């Protein structure tokens, strides 16, 4: 189960995800300082911790590092939701309660997401049905290598 990010980890990752490019500690620090008083070493430690936990990768650039997100915020959120749902002793009831908490806009986004997944499933099924039968599926014997002695 992915552990939820702490408050400062989330603030740092929010910037990394939003900027969607390699970032330095200095860039994150300067942006965070618009909201709070924070030290360079604190941001550096948080970003190092995020690297150790596998949330970001880093590449050396001179004496500093540039950090890049390993996955998206959407993937992080989905993993948290899936982990929370998996711990329920009644997943159907948990989903009903969760859906009941959603706004009308969130429920519409859910309907859109279900349509996309269903379309992807249908497309995959159609592609599989249209695939030509190969030798392993009993296709044309001309495609099979000749057996020795025949």
Protein backbone atom coordinates (compact mmCIF):
# COMPACT_ATOMS: atom_id res chain seq x y z
CA UNK A 1 0.00 0.00 0.00
CA UNK A 2 1.48 3.36 -0.94
CA UNK A 3 1.98 5.56 2.07
CA UNK A 4 0.31 8.95 1.70
CA UNK A 5 2.72 11.82 1.24
CA UNK A 6 3.29 14.09 4.22
CA UNK A 7 2.26 17.75 4.04
CA UNK A 8 5.66 19.06 2.91
CA UNK A 9 6.27 16.07 0.62
CA UNK A 10 2.92 16.79 -1.02
CA UNK A 11 3.77 20.49 -1.41
CA UNK A 12 7.06 19.56 -3.12
CA UNK A 13 5.51 16.86 -5.32
CA UNK A 14 2.68 19.21 -6.31
CA UNK A 15 5.26 21.52 -7.85
CA UNK A 16 7.16 18.69 -9.53
CA UNK A 17 3.90 17.34 -11.01
CA UNK A 18 2.59 20.76 -12.06
CA UNK A 19 5.82 21.91 -13.68
CA UNK A 20 6.23 18.54 -15.44
CA UNK A 21 9.94 19.05 -16.06
CA UNK A 22 13.20 18.43 -14.19
CA UNK A 23 13.40 20.82 -11.21
CA UNK A 24 16.09 21.88 -8.76
CA UNK A 25 15.86 22.25 -5.01
CA UNK A 26 16.38 26.00 -5.47
CA UNK A 27 13.36 26.31 -7.81
CA UNK A 28 11.11 24.43 -5.40
CA UNK A 29 12.47 26.41 -2.45
CA UNK A 30 11.79 29.77 -4.10
CA UNK A 31 8.23 28.76 -4.94
CA UNK A 32 7.55 27.37 -1.46
CA UNK A 33 8.93 30.54 0.14
CA UNK A 34 6.04 32.48 -1.39
CA UNK A 35 3.77 30.59 1.03
CA UNK A 36 5.97 29.87 4.05
CA UNK A 37 9.35 30.41 5.60
CA UNK A 38 11.46 27.36 4.83
CA UNK A 39 15.17 26.56 4.65
CA UNK A 40 17.05 25.28 1.61
CA UNK A 41 18.31 22.27 3.60
CA UNK A 42 14.74 21.32 4.56
CA UNK A 43 13.64 21.24 0.91
CA UNK A 44 16.83 19.39 -0.04
CA UNK A 45 16.15 16.75 2.64
CA UNK A 46 12.53 16.33 1.54
CA UNK A 47 13.55 15.92 -2.10
CA UNK A 48 16.26 13.43 -1.11
CA UNK A 49 13.66 11.49 0.91
CA UNK A 50 11.28 11.50 -2.07
CA UNK A 51 14.12 10.13 -4.19
CA UNK A 52 14.87 7.39 -1.62
CA UNK A 53 11.15 6.47 -1.54
CA UNK A 54 11.03 6.23 -5.34
CA UNK A 55 8.73 9.20 -6.01
CA UNK A 56 11.34 11.13 -8.02
CA UNK A 57 14.45 10.29 -10.00
CA UNK A 58 17.38 12.63 -10.10
CA UNK A 59 20.26 13.46 -12.36
CA UNK A 60 23.37 15.36 -11.37
CA UNK A 61 23.85 18.75 -12.95
CA UNK A 62 27.05 20.32 -11.69
CA UNK A 63 26.91 20.34 -7.89
CA UNK A 64 23.11 20.05 -7.81
CA UNK A 65 20.47 17.57 -8.90
CA UNK A 66 17.50 17.92 -11.20
CA UNK A 67 14.49 15.94 -9.97
CA UNK A 68 11.73 14.44 -12.14
CA UNK A 69 8.53 12.71 -11.03
CA UNK A 70 8.47 8.95 -11.52
CA UNK A 71 4.68 8.86 -11.96
CA UNK A 72 1.77 11.26 -12.21
CA UNK A 73 -0.41 12.72 -9.49
CA UNK A 74 -3.32 10.80 -11.05
CA UNK A 75 -1.43 7.51 -10.64
CA UNK A 76 -0.59 8.42 -7.03
CA UNK A 77 -4.23 9.27 -6.27
CA UNK A 78 -5.44 6.08 -7.95
CA UNK A 79 -3.01 3.97 -5.92
CA UNK A 80 -4.23 5.58 -2.68
CA UNK A 81 -7.88 5.00 -3.61
CA UNK A 82 -7.19 1.41 -4.61
CA UNK A 83 -5.29 0.71 -1.40
CA UNK A 84 -8.05 2.21 0.74
CA UNK A 85 -10.73 0.26 -1.14
CA UNK A 86 -8.76 -2.99 -0.82
CA UNK A 87 -8.72 -2.70 2.98
CA UNK A 88 -12.53 -2.64 3.20
CA UNK A 89 -14.34 -5.74 4.43
CA UNK A 90 -17.25 -4.72 2.15
CA UNK A 91 -15.84 -3.13 -1.03
CA UNK A 92 -19.27 -2.61 -2.62
CA UNK A 93 -20.54 -0.68 0.42
CA UNK A 94 -17.32 1.35 0.48
CA UNK A 95 -17.82 2.30 -3.16
CA UNK A 96 -21.45 3.29 -2.58
CA UNK A 97 -20.41 5.46 0.37
CA UNK A 98 -17.59 7.00 -1.67
CA UNK A 99 -19.87 7.75 -4.62
CA UNK A 100 -22.35 9.31 -2.18
CA UNK A 101 -19.64 11.78 -1.11
CA UNK A 102 -19.01 12.92 -4.68
CA UNK A 103 -20.23 16.17 -6.16
CA UNK A 104 -22.28 16.12 -9.36
CA UNK A 105 -19.14 17.10 -11.31
CA UNK A 106 -17.14 14.27 -9.75
CA UNK A 107 -19.88 11.75 -10.58
CA UNK A 108 -19.88 12.98 -14.19
CA UNK A 109 -16.09 12.55 -14.30
CA UNK A 110 -16.58 9.02 -12.95
CA UNK A 111 -19.12 8.26 -15.70
CA UNK A 112 -16.66 9.57 -18.30
CA UNK A 113 -13.89 7.40 -16.85
CA UNK A 114 -16.09 4.28 -16.93
CA UNK A 115 -17.00 5.00 -20.57
CA UNK A 116 -13.29 5.31 -21.46
CA UNK A 117 -12.41 2.03 -19.73
CA UNK A 118 -15.34 0.24 -21.35
CA UNK A 119 -14.34 1.61 -24.77
CA UNK A 120 -10.74 0.46 -24.21
CA UNK A 121 -12.00 -3.01 -23.20
CA UNK A 122 -14.24 -3.21 -26.30
CA UNK A 123 -11.40 -2.06 -28.57
CA UNK A 124 -9.07 -4.69 -27.12
CA UNK A 125 -11.69 -7.41 -27.60
CA UNK A 126 -12.29 -6.33 -31.21
CA UNK A 127 -8.56 -6.32 -31.93
CA UNK A 128 -8.20 -9.82 -30.48
CA UNK A 129 -11.17 -11.09 -32.51
CA UNK A 130 -9.74 -9.62 -35.74
CA UNK A 131 -6.25 -11.09 -35.25
CA UNK A 132 -5.41 -13.79 -37.82
CA UNK A 133 -5.04 -17.30 -36.50
CA UNK A 134 -1.40 -18.30 -36.27
CA UNK A 135 0.14 -21.78 -36.39
CA UNK A 136 -0.41 -22.27 -32.67
CA UNK A 137 -4.12 -21.60 -33.17
CA UNK A 138 -4.46 -24.20 -35.90
CA UNK A 139 -4.04 -21.83 -38.84
CA UNK A 140 -2.89 -22.67 -42.37
CA UNK A 141 -0.53 -25.66 -42.40
CA UNK A 142 1.64 -23.89 -45.00
CA UNK A 143 2.75 -21.58 -42.19
CA UNK A 144 4.04 -24.50 -40.09
CA UNK A 145 7.52 -25.85 -40.53
CA UNK A 146 7.59 -29.23 -42.24
CA UNK A 147 7.92 -32.18 -39.91
CA UNK A 148 11.04 -34.29 -40.39
CA UNK A 149 10.48 -37.30 -42.65
CA UNK A 150 7.42 -35.92 -44.44
